[in-house]
Amino acid sequence: MLIRYKKAFEKIAMGLLSFMPNEKDIKKLTETIQSYENNDNWVLYLWKKNDEYVGIVGIVTDNDSATIQHVSVIPSYRGEGVAKEMLQEVAELGQYENVRATDETREFVRKCIQCNDEKADEC
């Protein structure tokens, strides 16, 4: 289930974002979280499964478009289709006509969108 980020989730969100290759540094993580808190067009969602926050997806909106700039799942839940579910739910929110990826997230997003049960470990 997608849950919109709020300040109370800051540490959880930072932990989930830290699995992104370019978000390892604490200073960079703090700047990223502040961008989601301070910019109206930056939207961050956490993914809750079995009463645990296991994934995160961050988008930048522009009118009716959303660009996936962050997507991450904790290692113990990888291979279960969590990223695919998150991305599908973002697309199904109905707020965005176009959902696309950044250069950094494009390959991963493409794998998850084309993912099927045989390739679930890639998502």
PDB file of N, CA and C in Angstrom:
ATOM      1  N   MET A   1       0.836  -1.170   0.000  1.00  0.00           N
ATOM      2  CA  MET A   1       0.000   0.000   0.000  1.00  0.00           C
ATOM      3  C   MET A   1       0.889   1.244   0.000  1.00  0.00           C
ATOM      4  N   LEU A   2       0.608   2.167  -0.907  1.00  0.00           N
ATOM      5  CA  LEU A   2       1.339   3.434  -0.963  1.00  0.00           C
ATOM      6  C   LEU A   2       0.860   4.363   0.136  1.00  0.00           C
ATOM      7  N   ILE A   3       1.814   4.961   0.829  1.00  0.00           N
ATOM      8  CA  ILE A   3       1.506   5.932   1.873  1.00  0.00           C
ATOM      9  C   ILE A   3       2.334   7.175   1.600  1.00  0.00           C
ATOM     10  N   ARG A   4       1.661   8.294   1.520  1.00  0.00           N
ATOM     11  CA  ARG A   4       2.355   9.548   1.233  1.00  0.00           C
ATOM     12  C   ARG A   4       3.285   9.913   2.388  1.00  0.00           C
ATOM     13  N   TYR A   5       4.474  10.369   2.043  1.00  0.00           N
ATOM     14  CA  TYR A   5       5.490  10.748   3.025  1.00  0.00           C
ATOM     15  C   TYR A   5       5.013  11.904   3.885  1.00  0.00           C
ATOM     16  N   LYS A   6       5.345  11.836   5.158  1.00  0.00           N
ATOM     17  CA  LYS A   6       5.209  12.971   6.065  1.00  0.00           C
ATOM     18  C   LYS A   6       6.418  12.972   6.987  1.00  0.00           C
ATOM     19  N   LYS A   7       6.657  14.069   7.634  1.00  0.00           N
ATOM     20  CA  LYS A   7       7.862  14.288   8.434  1.00  0.00           C
ATOM     21  C   LYS A   7       8.103  13.160   9.452  1.00  0.00           C
ATOM     22  N   ALA A   8       7.064  12.588   9.986  1.00  0.00           N
ATOM     23  CA  ALA A   8       7.208  11.501  10.973  1.00  0.00           C
ATOM     24  C   ALA A   8       7.915  10.279  10.385  1.00  0.00           C
ATOM     25  N   PHE A   9       7.923  10.158   9.050  1.00  0.00           N
ATOM     26  CA  PHE A   9       8.567   9.018   8.379  1.00  0.00           C
ATOM     27  C   PHE A   9       9.996   9.323   7.933  1.00  0.00           C
ATOM     28  N   GLU A  10      10.555  10.441   8.378  1.00  0.00           N
ATOM     29  CA  GLU A  10      11.849  10.893   7.857  1.00  0.00           C
ATOM     30  C   GLU A  10      12.943   9.836   7.967  1.00  0.00           C
ATOM     31  N   LYS A  11      13.141   9.237   9.121  1.00  0.00           N
ATOM     32  CA  LYS A  11      14.213   8.251   9.291  1.00  0.00           C
ATOM     33  C   LYS A  11      13.969   7.005   8.462  1.00  0.00           C
ATOM     34  N   ILE A  12      12.731   6.568   8.403  1.00  0.00           N
ATOM     35  CA  ILE A  12      12.387   5.399   7.584  1.00  0.00           C
ATOM     36  C   ILE A  12      12.684   5.709   6.116  1.00  0.00           C
ATOM     37  N   ALA A  13      12.254   6.881   5.659  1.00  0.00           N
ATOM     38  CA  ALA A  13      12.469   7.278   4.265  1.00  0.00           C
ATOM     39  C   ALA A  13      13.957   7.376   3.943  1.00  0.00           C
ATOM     40  N   MET A  14      14.728   7.944   4.841  1.00  0.00           N
ATOM     41  CA  MET A  14      16.170   8.050   4.612  1.00  0.00           C
ATOM     42  C   MET A  14      16.804   6.664   4.522  1.00  0.00           C
ATOM     43  N   GLY A  15      16.372   5.755   5.357  1.00  0.00           N
ATOM     44  CA  GLY A  15      16.887   4.391   5.298  1.00  0.00           C
ATOM     45  C   GLY A  15      16.567   3.716   3.980  1.00  0.00           C
ATOM     46  N   LEU A  16      15.336   3.876   3.521  1.00  0.00           N
ATOM     47  CA  LEU A  16      14.935   3.281   2.247  1.00  0.00           C
ATOM     48  C   LEU A  16      15.656   3.931   1.066  1.00  0.00           C
ATOM     49  N   LEU A  17      15.790   5.245   1.101  1.00  0.00           N
ATOM     50  CA  LEU A  17      16.501   5.944   0.021  1.00  0.00           C
ATOM     51  C   LEU A  17      17.980   5.586  -0.016  1.00  0.00           C
ATOM     52  N   SER A  18      18.549   5.213   1.112  1.00  0.00           N
ATOM     53  CA  SER A  18      19.980   4.905   1.161  1.00  0.00           C
ATOM     54  C   SER A  18      20.350   3.681   0.316  1.00  0.00           C
ATOM     55  N   PHE A  19      19.371   2.902  -0.111  1.00  0.00           N
ATOM     56  CA  PHE A  19      19.645   1.767  -0.987  1.00  0.00           C
ATOM     57  C   PHE A  19      19.843   2.196  -2.443  1.00  0.00           C
ATOM     58  N   MET A  20      19.531   3.458  -2.747  1.00  0.00           N
ATOM     59  CA  MET A  20      19.767   3.991  -4.095  1.00  0.00           C
ATOM     60  C   MET A  20      21.273   4.255  -4.247  1.00  0.00           C
ATOM     61  N   PRO A  21      21.856   3.934  -5.392  1.00  0.00           N
ATOM     62  CA  PRO A  21      23.309   4.092  -5.575  1.00  0.00           C
ATOM     63  C   PRO A  21      23.833   5.501  -5.308  1.00  0.00           C
ATOM     64  N   ASN A  22      23.088   6.520  -5.693  1.00  0.00           N
ATOM     65  CA  ASN A  22      23.568   7.899  -5.528  1.00  0.00           C
ATOM     66  C   ASN A  22      23.096   8.555  -4.239  1.00  0.00           C
ATOM     67  N   GLU A  23      22.544   7.787  -3.326  1.00  0.00           N
ATOM     68  CA  GLU A  23      21.996   8.354  -2.089  1.00  0.00           C
ATOM     69  C   GLU A  23      22.668   7.769  -0.841  1.00  0.00           C
ATOM     70  N   LYS A  24      23.905   7.367  -0.949  1.00  0.00           N
ATOM     71  CA  LYS A  24      24.596   6.723   0.175  1.00  0.00           C
ATOM     72  C   LYS A  24      25.055   7.728   1.246  1.00  0.00           C
ATOM     73  N   ASP A  25      25.442   8.907   0.824  1.00  0.00           N
ATOM     74  CA  ASP A  25      25.988   9.923   1.724  1.00  0.00           C
ATOM     75  C   ASP A  25      24.876  10.582   2.542  1.00  0.00           C
ATOM     76  N   ILE A  26      25.101  10.738   3.850  1.00  0.00           N
ATOM     77  CA  ILE A  26      24.081  11.303   4.748  1.00  0.00           C
ATOM     78  C   ILE A  26      23.717  12.733   4.348  1.00  0.00           C
ATOM     79  N   LYS A  27      24.685  13.501   3.885  1.00  0.00           N
ATOM     80  CA  LYS A  27      24.406  14.875   3.458  1.00  0.00           C
ATOM     81  C   LYS A  27      23.479  14.866   2.238  1.00  0.00           C
ATOM     82  N   LYS A  28      23.762  13.991   1.284  1.00  0.00           N
ATOM     83  CA  LYS A  28      22.931  13.877   0.087  1.00  0.00           C
ATOM     84  C   LYS A  28      21.523  13.405   0.451  1.00  0.00           C
ATOM     85  N   LEU A  29      21.425  12.416   1.354  1.00  0.00           N
ATOM     86  CA  LEU A  29      20.119  11.928   1.807  1.00  0.00           C
ATOM     87  C   LEU A  29      19.301  13.046   2.446  1.00  0.00           C
ATOM     88  N   THR A  30      19.947  13.825   3.289  1.00  0.00           N
ATOM     89  CA  THR A  30      19.268  14.933   3.971  1.00  0.00           C
ATOM     90  C   THR A  30      18.764  15.955   2.954  1.00  0.00           C
ATOM     91  N   GLU A  31      19.588  16.278   1.966  1.00  0.00           N
ATOM     92  CA  GLU A  31      19.181  17.225   0.926  1.00  0.00           C
ATOM     93  C   GLU A  31      17.994  16.684   0.132  1.00  0.00           C
ATOM     94  N   THR A  32      18.025  15.394  -0.170  1.00  0.00           N
ATOM     95  CA  THR A  32      16.939  14.779  -0.933  1.00  0.00           C
ATOM     96  C   THR A  32      15.633  14.830  -0.150  1.00  0.00           C
ATOM     97  N   ILE A  33      15.681  14.454   1.113  1.00  0.00           N
ATOM     98  CA  ILE A  33      14.480  14.485   1.959  1.00  0.00           C
ATOM     99  C   ILE A  33      13.949  15.916   2.058  1.00  0.00           C
ATOM    100  N   GLN A  34      14.841  16.888   2.228  1.00  0.00           N
ATOM    101  CA  GLN A  34      14.409  18.284   2.310  1.00  0.00           C
ATOM    102  C   GLN A  34      13.737  18.735   1.011  1.00  0.00           C
ATOM    103  N   SER A  35      14.228  18.240  -0.118  1.00  0.00           N
ATOM    104  CA  SER A  35      13.594  18.575  -1.399  1.00  0.00           C
ATOM    105  C   SER A  35      12.175  18.043  -1.449  1.00  0.00           C
ATOM    106  N   TYR A  36      11.971  16.803  -0.959  1.00  0.00           N
ATOM    107  CA  TYR A  36      10.620  16.242  -0.937  1.00  0.00           C
ATOM    108  C   TYR A  36       9.716  16.991   0.043  1.00  0.00           C
ATOM    109  N   GLU A  37      10.277  17.499   1.118  1.00  0.00           N
ATOM    110  CA  GLU A  37       9.479  18.230   2.106  1.00  0.00           C
ATOM    111  C   GLU A  37       9.154  19.656   1.648  1.00  0.00           C
ATOM    112  N   ASN A  38      10.051  20.272   0.900  1.00  0.00           N
ATOM    113  CA  ASN A  38       9.920  21.697   0.602  1.00  0.00           C
ATOM    114  C   ASN A  38       9.403  22.031  -0.791  1.00  0.00           C
ATOM    115  N   ASN A  39       9.474  21.106  -1.727  1.00  0.00           N
ATOM    116  CA  ASN A  39       9.028  21.370  -3.093  1.00  0.00           C
ATOM    117  C   ASN A  39       7.672  20.721  -3.330  1.00  0.00           C
ATOM    118  N   ASP A  40       6.696  21.518  -3.704  1.00  0.00           N
ATOM    119  CA  ASP A  40       5.343  21.005  -3.923  1.00  0.00           C
ATOM    120  C   ASP A  40       5.260  19.974  -5.039  1.00  0.00           C
ATOM    121  N   ASN A  41       6.160  20.057  -6.008  1.00  0.00           N
ATOM    122  CA  ASN A  41       6.098  19.118  -7.125  1.00  0.00           C
ATOM    123  C   ASN A  41       6.963  17.864  -6.909  1.00  0.00           C
ATOM    124  N   TRP A  42       7.582  17.725  -5.747  1.00  0.00           N
ATOM    125  CA  TRP A  42       8.309  16.515  -5.368  1.00  0.00           C
ATOM    126  C   TRP A  42       7.407  15.722  -4.426  1.00  0.00           C
ATOM    127  N   VAL A  43       7.099  14.476  -4.794  1.00  0.00           N
ATOM    128  CA  VAL A  43       6.184  13.653  -4.005  1.00  0.00           C
ATOM    129  C   VAL A  43       6.857  12.325  -3.682  1.00  0.00           C
ATOM    130  N   LEU A  44       6.825  11.966  -2.410  1.00  0.00           N
ATOM    131  CA  LEU A  44       7.474  10.745  -1.942  1.00  0.00           C
ATOM    132  C   LEU A  44       6.427   9.827  -1.327  1.00  0.00           C
ATOM    133  N   TYR A  45       6.460   8.560  -1.718  1.00  0.00           N
ATOM    134  CA  TYR A  45       5.555   7.549  -1.179  1.00  0.00           C
ATOM    135  C   TYR A  45       6.361   6.409  -0.584  1.00  0.00           C
ATOM    136  N   LEU A  46       5.910   5.924   0.545  1.00  0.00           N
ATOM    137  CA  LEU A  46       6.476   4.729   1.139  1.00  0.00           C
ATOM    138  C   LEU A  46       5.539   3.571   0.835  1.00  0.00           C
ATOM    139  N   TRP A  47       6.092   2.375   0.748  1.00  0.00           N
ATOM    140  CA  TRP A  47       5.299   1.180   0.476  1.00  0.00           C
ATOM    141  C   TRP A  47       5.275   0.346   1.746  1.00  0.00           C
ATOM    142  N   LYS A  48       4.064   0.079   2.220  1.00  0.00           N
ATOM    143  CA  LYS A  48       3.886  -0.697   3.444  1.00  0.00           C
ATOM    144  C   LYS A  48       3.340  -2.074   3.090  1.00  0.00           C
ATOM    145  N   LYS A  49       4.019  -3.093   3.610  1.00  0.00           N
ATOM    146  CA  LYS A  49       3.611  -4.472   3.379  1.00  0.00           C
ATOM    147  C   LYS A  49       3.769  -5.224   4.694  1.00  0.00           C
ATOM    148  N   ASN A  50       2.718  -5.900   5.099  1.00  0.00           N
ATOM    149  CA  ASN A  50       2.763  -6.671   6.355  1.00  0.00           C
ATOM    150  C   ASN A  50       3.198  -5.801   7.536  1.00  0.00           C
ATOM    151  N   ASP A  51       2.626  -4.618   7.663  1.00  0.00           N
ATOM    152  CA  ASP A  51       2.919  -3.686   8.761  1.00  0.00           C
ATOM    153  C   ASP A  51       4.365  -3.224   8.807  1.00  0.00           C
ATOM    154  N   GLU A  52       5.063  -3.300   7.692  1.00  0.00           N
ATOM    155  CA  GLU A  52       6.462  -2.875   7.629  1.00  0.00           C
ATOM    156  C   GLU A  52       6.661  -2.019   6.385  1.00  0.00           C
ATOM    157  N   TYR A  53       7.451  -0.954   6.507  1.00  0.00           N
ATOM    158  CA  TYR A  53       7.773  -0.118   5.353  1.00  0.00           C
ATOM    159  C   TYR A  53       8.935  -0.779   4.619  1.00  0.00           C
ATOM    160  N   VAL A  54       8.679  -1.206   3.383  1.00  0.00           N
ATOM    161  CA  VAL A  54       9.666  -2.015   2.663  1.00  0.00           C
ATOM    162  C   VAL A  54      10.158  -1.379   1.368  1.00  0.00           C
ATOM    163  N   GLY A  55       9.533  -0.307   0.932  1.00  0.00           N
ATOM    164  CA  GLY A  55       9.943   0.327  -0.313  1.00  0.00           C
ATOM    165  C   GLY A  55       9.604   1.795  -0.328  1.00  0.00           C
ATOM    166  N   ILE A  56      10.166   2.466  -1.318  1.00  0.00           N
ATOM    167  CA  ILE A  56       9.937   3.901  -1.449  1.00  0.00           C
ATOM    168  C   ILE A  56       9.978   4.262  -2.932  1.00  0.00           C
ATOM    169  N   VAL A  57       9.144   5.198  -3.307  1.00  0.00           N
ATOM    170  CA  VAL A  57       9.162   5.714  -4.672  1.00  0.00           C
ATOM    171  C   VAL A  57       8.970   7.227  -4.598  1.00  0.00           C
ATOM    172  N   GLY A  58       9.870   7.940  -5.274  1.00  0.00           N
ATOM    173  CA  GLY A  58       9.818   9.394  -5.284  1.00  0.00           C
ATOM    174  C   GLY A  58       9.637   9.900  -6.696  1.00  0.00           C
ATOM    175  N   ILE A  59       8.723  10.843  -6.852  1.00  0.00           N
ATOM    176  CA  ILE A  59       8.434  11.383  -8.177  1.00  0.00           C
ATOM    177  C   ILE A  59       8.506  12.904  -8.162  1.00  0.00           C
ATOM    178  N   VAL A  60       8.758  13.440  -9.336  1.00  0.00           N
ATOM    179  CA  VAL A  60       8.671  14.878  -9.555  1.00  0.00           C
ATOM    180  C   VAL A  60       7.536  15.065 -10.551  1.00  0.00           C
ATOM    181  N   THR A  61       6.587  15.922 -10.188  1.00  0.00           N
ATOM    182  CA  THR A  61       5.418  16.130 -11.033  1.00  0.00           C
ATOM    183  C   THR A  61       5.566  17.413 -11.851  1.00  0.00           C
ATOM    184  N   ASP A  62       4.959  17.380 -13.022  1.00  0.00           N
ATOM    185  CA  ASP A  62       4.929  18.535 -13.903  1.00  0.00           C
ATOM    186  C   ASP A  62       3.593  18.480 -14.633  1.00  0.00           C
ATOM    187  N   ASN A  63       2.635  19.262 -14.163  1.00  0.00           N
ATOM    188  CA  ASN A  63       1.269  19.242 -14.672  1.00  0.00           C
ATOM    189  C   ASN A  63       0.688  17.833 -14.553  1.00  0.00           C
ATOM    190  N   ASP A  64       0.493  17.149 -15.680  1.00  0.00           N
ATOM    191  CA  ASP A  64      -0.125  15.821 -15.650  1.00  0.00           C
ATOM    192  C   ASP A  64       0.895  14.692 -15.813  1.00  0.00           C
ATOM    193  N   SER A  65       2.193  14.998 -15.639  1.00  0.00           N
ATOM    194  CA  SER A  65       3.251  14.011 -15.782  1.00  0.00           C
ATOM    195  C   SER A  65       3.969  13.786 -14.462  1.00  0.00           C
ATOM    196  N   ALA A  66       4.480  12.570 -14.313  1.00  0.00           N
ATOM    197  CA  ALA A  66       5.280  12.223 -13.137  1.00  0.00           C
ATOM    198  C   ALA A  66       6.554  11.544 -13.612  1.00  0.00           C
ATOM    199  N   THR A  67       7.676  11.956 -13.039  1.00  0.00           N
ATOM    200  CA  THR A  67       8.960  11.339 -13.356  1.00  0.00           C
ATOM    201  C   THR A  67       9.459  10.603 -12.123  1.00  0.00           C
ATOM    202  N   ILE A  68       9.689   9.309 -12.270  1.00  0.00           N
ATOM    203  CA  ILE A  68      10.195   8.481 -11.167  1.00  0.00           C
ATOM    204  C   ILE A  68      11.669   8.789 -11.009  1.00  0.00           C
ATOM    205  N   GLN A  69      12.015   9.415  -9.883  1.00  0.00           N
ATOM    206  CA  GLN A  69      13.431   9.718  -9.682  1.00  0.00           C
ATOM    207  C   GLN A  69      14.066   8.868  -8.594  1.00  0.00           C
ATOM    208  N   HIS A  70      13.269   8.265  -7.756  1.00  0.00           N
ATOM    209  CA  HIS A  70      13.777   7.343  -6.738  1.00  0.00           C
ATOM    210  C   HIS A  70      12.850   6.137  -6.662  1.00  0.00           C
ATOM    211  N   VAL A  71      13.425   4.961  -6.590  1.00  0.00           N
ATOM    212  CA  VAL A  71      12.654   3.741  -6.340  1.00  0.00           C
ATOM    213  C   VAL A  71      13.605   2.750  -5.683  1.00  0.00           C
ATOM    214  N   SER A  72      13.179   2.236  -4.537  1.00  0.00           N
ATOM    215  CA  SER A  72      14.050   1.364  -3.763  1.00  0.00           C
ATOM    216  C   SER A  72      13.222   0.411  -2.911  1.00  0.00           C
ATOM    217  N   VAL A  73      13.751  -0.789  -2.723  1.00  0.00           N
ATOM    218  CA  VAL A  73      13.118  -1.811  -1.891  1.00  0.00           C
ATOM    219  C   VAL A  73      14.194  -2.383  -0.975  1.00  0.00           C
ATOM    220  N   ILE A  74      13.840  -2.624   0.284  1.00  0.00           N
ATOM    221  CA  ILE A  74      14.834  -3.204   1.185  1.00  0.00           C
ATOM    222  C   ILE A  74      15.226  -4.592   0.680  1.00  0.00           C
ATOM    223  N   PRO A  75      16.481  -4.968   0.867  1.00  0.00           N
ATOM    224  CA  PRO A  75      16.979  -6.219   0.288  1.00  0.00           C
ATOM    225  C   PRO A  75      16.171  -7.468   0.651  1.00  0.00           C
ATOM    226  N   SER A  76      15.657  -7.571   1.856  1.00  0.00           N
ATOM    227  CA  SER A  76      14.935  -8.781   2.246  1.00  0.00           C
ATOM    228  C   SER A  76      13.594  -8.944   1.522  1.00  0.00           C
ATOM    229  N   TYR A  77      13.110  -7.891   0.855  1.00  0.00           N
ATOM    230  CA  TYR A  77      11.853  -7.969   0.106  1.00  0.00           C
ATOM    231  C   TYR A  77      12.075  -7.941  -1.406  1.00  0.00           C
ATOM    232  N   ARG A  78      13.318  -7.912  -1.838  1.00  0.00           N
ATOM    233  CA  ARG A  78      13.588  -7.909  -3.275  1.00  0.00           C
ATOM    234  C   ARG A  78      13.239  -9.270  -3.855  1.00  0.00           C
ATOM    235  N   GLY A  79      12.822  -9.265  -5.085  1.00  0.00           N
ATOM    236  CA  GLY A  79      12.438 -10.492  -5.752  1.00  0.00           C
ATOM    237  C   GLY A  79      11.000 -10.897  -5.502  1.00  0.00           C
ATOM    238  N   GLU A  80      10.246 -10.068  -4.783  1.00  0.00           N
ATOM    239  CA  GLU A  80       8.848 -10.372  -4.482  1.00  0.00           C
ATOM    240  C   GLU A  80       7.873  -9.504  -5.276  1.00  0.00           C
ATOM    241  N   GLY A  81       8.394  -8.702  -6.194  1.00  0.00           N
ATOM    242  CA  GLY A  81       7.530  -7.865  -7.018  1.00  0.00           C
ATOM    243  C   GLY A  81       7.091  -6.572  -6.352  1.00  0.00           C
ATOM    244  N   VAL A  82       7.747  -6.183  -5.267  1.00  0.00           N
ATOM    245  CA  VAL A  82       7.357  -4.972  -4.539  1.00  0.00           C
ATOM    246  C   VAL A  82       7.513  -3.731  -5.416  1.00  0.00           C
ATOM    247  N   ALA A  83       8.642  -3.604  -6.102  1.00  0.00           N
ATOM    248  CA  ALA A  83       8.860  -2.428  -6.948  1.00  0.00           C
ATOM    249  C   ALA A  83       7.814  -2.358  -8.055  1.00  0.00           C
ATOM    250  N   LYS A  84       7.506  -3.488  -8.640  1.00  0.00           N
ATOM    251  CA  LYS A  84       6.485  -3.529  -9.690  1.00  0.00           C
ATOM    252  C   LYS A  84       5.141  -3.065  -9.137  1.00  0.00           C
ATOM    253  N   GLU A  85       4.772  -3.540  -7.949  1.00  0.00           N
ATOM    254  CA  GLU A  85       3.507  -3.134  -7.331  1.00  0.00           C
ATOM    255  C   GLU A  85       3.490  -1.632  -7.058  1.00  0.00           C
ATOM    256  N   MET A  86       4.603  -1.098  -6.530  1.00  0.00           N
ATOM    257  CA  MET A  86       4.677   0.334  -6.241  1.00  0.00           C
ATOM    258  C   MET A  86       4.486   1.151  -7.509  1.00  0.00           C
ATOM    259  N   LEU A  87       5.207   0.782  -8.555  1.00  0.00           N
ATOM    260  CA  LEU A  87       5.136   1.534  -9.807  1.00  0.00           C
ATOM    261  C   LEU A  87       3.750   1.440 -10.436  1.00  0.00           C
ATOM    262  N   GLN A  88       3.134   0.272 -10.359  1.00  0.00           N
ATOM    263  CA  GLN A  88       1.778   0.124 -10.890  1.00  0.00           C
ATOM    264  C   GLN A  88       0.796   0.997 -10.112  1.00  0.00           C
ATOM    265  N   GLU A  89       0.945   1.038  -8.792  1.00  0.00           N
ATOM    266  CA  GLU A  89       0.015   1.847  -7.994  1.00  0.00           C
ATOM    267  C   GLU A  89       0.204   3.337  -8.263  1.00  0.00           C
ATOM    268  N   VAL A  90       1.445   3.773  -8.472  1.00  0.00           N
ATOM    269  CA  VAL A  90       1.675   5.178  -8.837  1.00  0.00           C
ATOM    270  C   VAL A  90       0.955   5.485 -10.144  1.00  0.00           C
ATOM    271  N   ALA A  91       1.092   4.593 -11.120  1.00  0.00           N
ATOM    272  CA  ALA A  91       0.430   4.798 -12.413  1.00  0.00           C
ATOM    273  C   ALA A  91      -1.091   4.794 -12.269  1.00  0.00           C
ATOM    274  N   GLU A  92      -1.604   4.015 -11.316  1.00  0.00           N
ATOM    275  CA  GLU A  92      -3.049   3.894 -11.129  1.00  0.00           C
ATOM    276  C   GLU A  92      -3.653   4.970 -10.233  1.00  0.00           C
ATOM    277  N   LEU A  93      -2.826   5.853  -9.697  1.00  0.00           N
ATOM    278  CA  LEU A  93      -3.357   6.939  -8.878  1.00  0.00           C
ATOM    279  C   LEU A  93      -4.319   7.817  -9.672  1.00  0.00           C
ATOM    280  N   GLY A  94      -4.127   7.839 -10.975  1.00  0.00           N
ATOM    281  CA  GLY A  94      -5.014   8.617 -11.839  1.00  0.00           C
ATOM    282  C   GLY A  94      -4.687  10.094 -11.896  1.00  0.00           C
ATOM    283  N   GLN A  95      -3.625  10.498 -11.238  1.00  0.00           N
ATOM    284  CA  GLN A  95      -3.253  11.906 -11.228  1.00  0.00           C
ATOM    285  C   GLN A  95      -2.341  12.278 -12.393  1.00  0.00           C
ATOM    286  N   TYR A  96      -1.730  11.271 -13.010  1.00  0.00           N
ATOM    287  CA  TYR A  96      -0.711  11.538 -14.018  1.00  0.00           C
ATOM    288  C   TYR A  96      -1.038  10.802 -15.313  1.00  0.00           C
ATOM    289  N   GLU A  97      -1.040  11.553 -16.408  1.00  0.00           N
ATOM    290  CA  GLU A  97      -1.258  10.933 -17.713  1.00  0.00           C
ATOM    291  C   GLU A  97      -0.007  10.185 -18.162  1.00  0.00           C
ATOM    292  N   ASN A  98       1.142  10.748 -17.840  1.00  0.00           N
ATOM    293  CA  ASN A  98       2.422  10.153 -18.245  1.00  0.00           C
ATOM    294  C   ASN A  98       3.265   9.871 -17.011  1.00  0.00           C
ATOM    295  N   VAL A  99       3.806   8.673 -16.939  1.00  0.00           N
ATOM    296  CA  VAL A  99       4.752   8.316 -15.886  1.00  0.00           C
ATOM    297  C   VAL A  99       6.018   7.858 -16.590  1.00  0.00           C
ATOM    298  N   ARG A 100       7.116   8.527 -16.293  1.00  0.00           N
ATOM    299  CA  ARG A 100       8.387   8.183 -16.931  1.00  0.00           C
ATOM    300  C   ARG A 100       9.490   8.104 -15.891  1.00  0.00           C
ATOM    301  N   ALA A 101      10.680   7.781 -16.342  1.00  0.00           N
ATOM    302  CA  ALA A 101      11.812   7.600 -15.434  1.00  0.00           C
ATOM    303  C   ALA A 101      12.934   8.575 -15.784  1.00  0.00           C
ATOM    304  N   THR A 102      13.842   8.755 -14.846  1.00  0.00           N
ATOM    305  CA  THR A 102      15.057   9.527 -15.094  1.00  0.00           C
ATOM    306  C   THR A 102      16.087   8.593 -15.721  1.00  0.00           C
ATOM    307  N   ASP A 103      17.218   9.141 -16.129  1.00  0.00           N
ATOM    308  CA  ASP A 103      18.292   8.296 -16.650  1.00  0.00           C
ATOM    309  C   ASP A 103      18.729   7.280 -15.595  1.00  0.00           C
ATOM    310  N   GLU A 104      18.763   7.702 -14.343  1.00  0.00           N
ATOM    311  CA  GLU A 104      19.200   6.828 -13.255  1.00  0.00           C
ATOM    312  C   GLU A 104      18.213   5.691 -12.982  1.00  0.00           C
ATOM    313  N   THR A 105      16.925   5.953 -13.094  1.00  0.00           N
ATOM    314  CA  THR A 105      15.925   4.934 -12.747  1.00  0.00           C
ATOM    315  C   THR A 105      15.354   4.202 -13.960  1.00  0.00           C
ATOM    316  N   ARG A 106      15.667   4.654 -15.159  1.00  0.00           N
ATOM    317  CA  ARG A 106      15.036   4.123 -16.378  1.00  0.00           C
ATOM    318  C   ARG A 106      15.180   2.612 -16.526  1.00  0.00           C
ATOM    319  N   GLU A 107      16.381   2.082 -16.397  1.00  0.00           N
ATOM    320  CA  GLU A 107      16.589   0.652 -16.611  1.00  0.00           C
ATOM    321  C   GLU A 107      15.807  -0.183 -15.596  1.00  0.00           C
ATOM    322  N   PHE A 108      15.859   0.220 -14.337  1.00  0.00           N
ATOM    323  CA  PHE A 108      15.149  -0.517 -13.291  1.00  0.00           C
ATOM    324  C   PHE A 108      13.639  -0.447 -13.500  1.00  0.00           C
ATOM    325  N   VAL A 109      13.133   0.740 -13.796  1.00  0.00           N
ATOM    326  CA  VAL A 109      11.695   0.907 -14.029  1.00  0.00           C
ATOM    327  C   VAL A 109      11.254   0.074 -15.222  1.00  0.00           C
ATOM    328  N   ARG A 110      12.034   0.105 -16.283  1.00  0.00           N
ATOM    329  CA  ARG A 110      11.695  -0.677 -17.484  1.00  0.00           C
ATOM    330  C   ARG A 110      11.630  -2.177 -17.153  1.00  0.00           C
ATOM    331  N   LYS A 111      12.583  -2.677 -16.393  1.00  0.00           N
ATOM    332  CA  LYS A 111      12.574  -4.093 -15.998  1.00  0.00           C
ATOM    333  C   LYS A 111      11.313  -4.427 -15.217  1.00  0.00           C
ATOM    334  N   CYS A 112      10.950  -3.570 -14.304  1.00  0.00           N
ATOM    335  CA  CYS A 112       9.800  -3.850 -13.445  1.00  0.00           C
ATOM    336  C   CYS A 112       8.478  -3.748 -14.188  1.00  0.00           C
ATOM    337  N   ILE A 113       8.386  -2.854 -15.121  1.00  0.00           N
ATOM    338  CA  ILE A 113       7.151  -2.729 -15.886  1.00  0.00           C
ATOM    339  C   ILE A 113       6.983  -3.937 -16.802  1.00  0.00           C
ATOM    340  N   GLN A 114       8.087  -4.437 -17.354  1.00  0.00           N
ATOM    341  CA  GLN A 114       8.024  -5.593 -18.251  1.00  0.00           C
ATOM    342  C   GLN A 114       8.142  -6.907 -17.492  1.00  0.00           C
ATOM    343  N   CYS A 115       8.320  -6.824 -16.208  1.00  0.00           N
ATOM    344  CA  CYS A 115       8.550  -7.992 -15.363  1.00  0.00           C
ATOM    345  C   CYS A 115       7.349  -8.934 -15.384  1.00  0.00           C
ATOM    346  N   ASN A 116       7.648 -10.206 -15.394  1.00  0.00           N
ATOM    347  CA  ASN A 116       6.584 -11.202 -15.207  1.00  0.00           C
ATOM    348  C   ASN A 116       7.024 -12.149 -14.107  1.00  0.00           C
ATOM    349  N   ASP A 117       6.227 -13.124 -13.776  1.00  0.00           N
ATOM    350  CA  ASP A 117       6.525 -14.015 -12.670  1.00  0.00           C
ATOM    351  C   ASP A 117       7.865 -14.720 -12.811  1.00  0.00           C
ATOM    352  N   GLU A 118       8.300 -14.993 -14.038  1.00  0.00           N
ATOM    353  CA  GLU A 118       9.571 -15.671 -14.256  1.00  0.00           C
ATOM    354  C   GLU A 118      10.762 -14.779 -13.927  1.00  0.00           C
ATOM    355  N   LYS A 119      10.576 -13.462 -14.012  1.00  0.00           N
ATOM    356  CA  LYS A 119      11.661 -12.528 -13.781  1.00  0.00           C
ATOM    357  C   LYS A 119      11.443 -11.703 -12.516  1.00  0.00           C
ATOM    358  N   ALA A 120      10.648 -12.169 -11.604  1.00  0.00           N
ATOM    359  CA  ALA A 120      10.307 -11.391 -10.412  1.00  0.00           C
ATOM    360  C   ALA A 120      11.534 -10.983  -9.619  1.00  0.00           C
ATOM    361  N   ASP A 121      12.611 -11.765  -9.665  1.00  0.00           N
ATOM    362  CA  ASP A 121      13.806 -11.436  -8.896  1.00  0.00           C
ATOM    363  C   ASP A 121      14.493 -10.179  -9.404  1.00  0.00           C
ATOM    364  N   GLU A 122      14.155  -9.716 -10.601  1.00  0.00           N
ATOM    365  CA  GLU A 122      14.736  -8.479 -11.121  1.00  0.00           C
ATOM    366  C   GLU A 122      14.012  -7.250 -10.612  1.00  0.00           C
ATOM    367  N   CYS A 123      12.870  -7.409 -10.025  1.00  0.00           N
ATOM    368  CA  CYS A 123      12.060  -6.269  -9.602  1.00  0.00           C
ATOM    369  C   CYS A 123      12.133  -6.123  -8.114  1.00  0.00           C
TER     370      CYS A 123
END
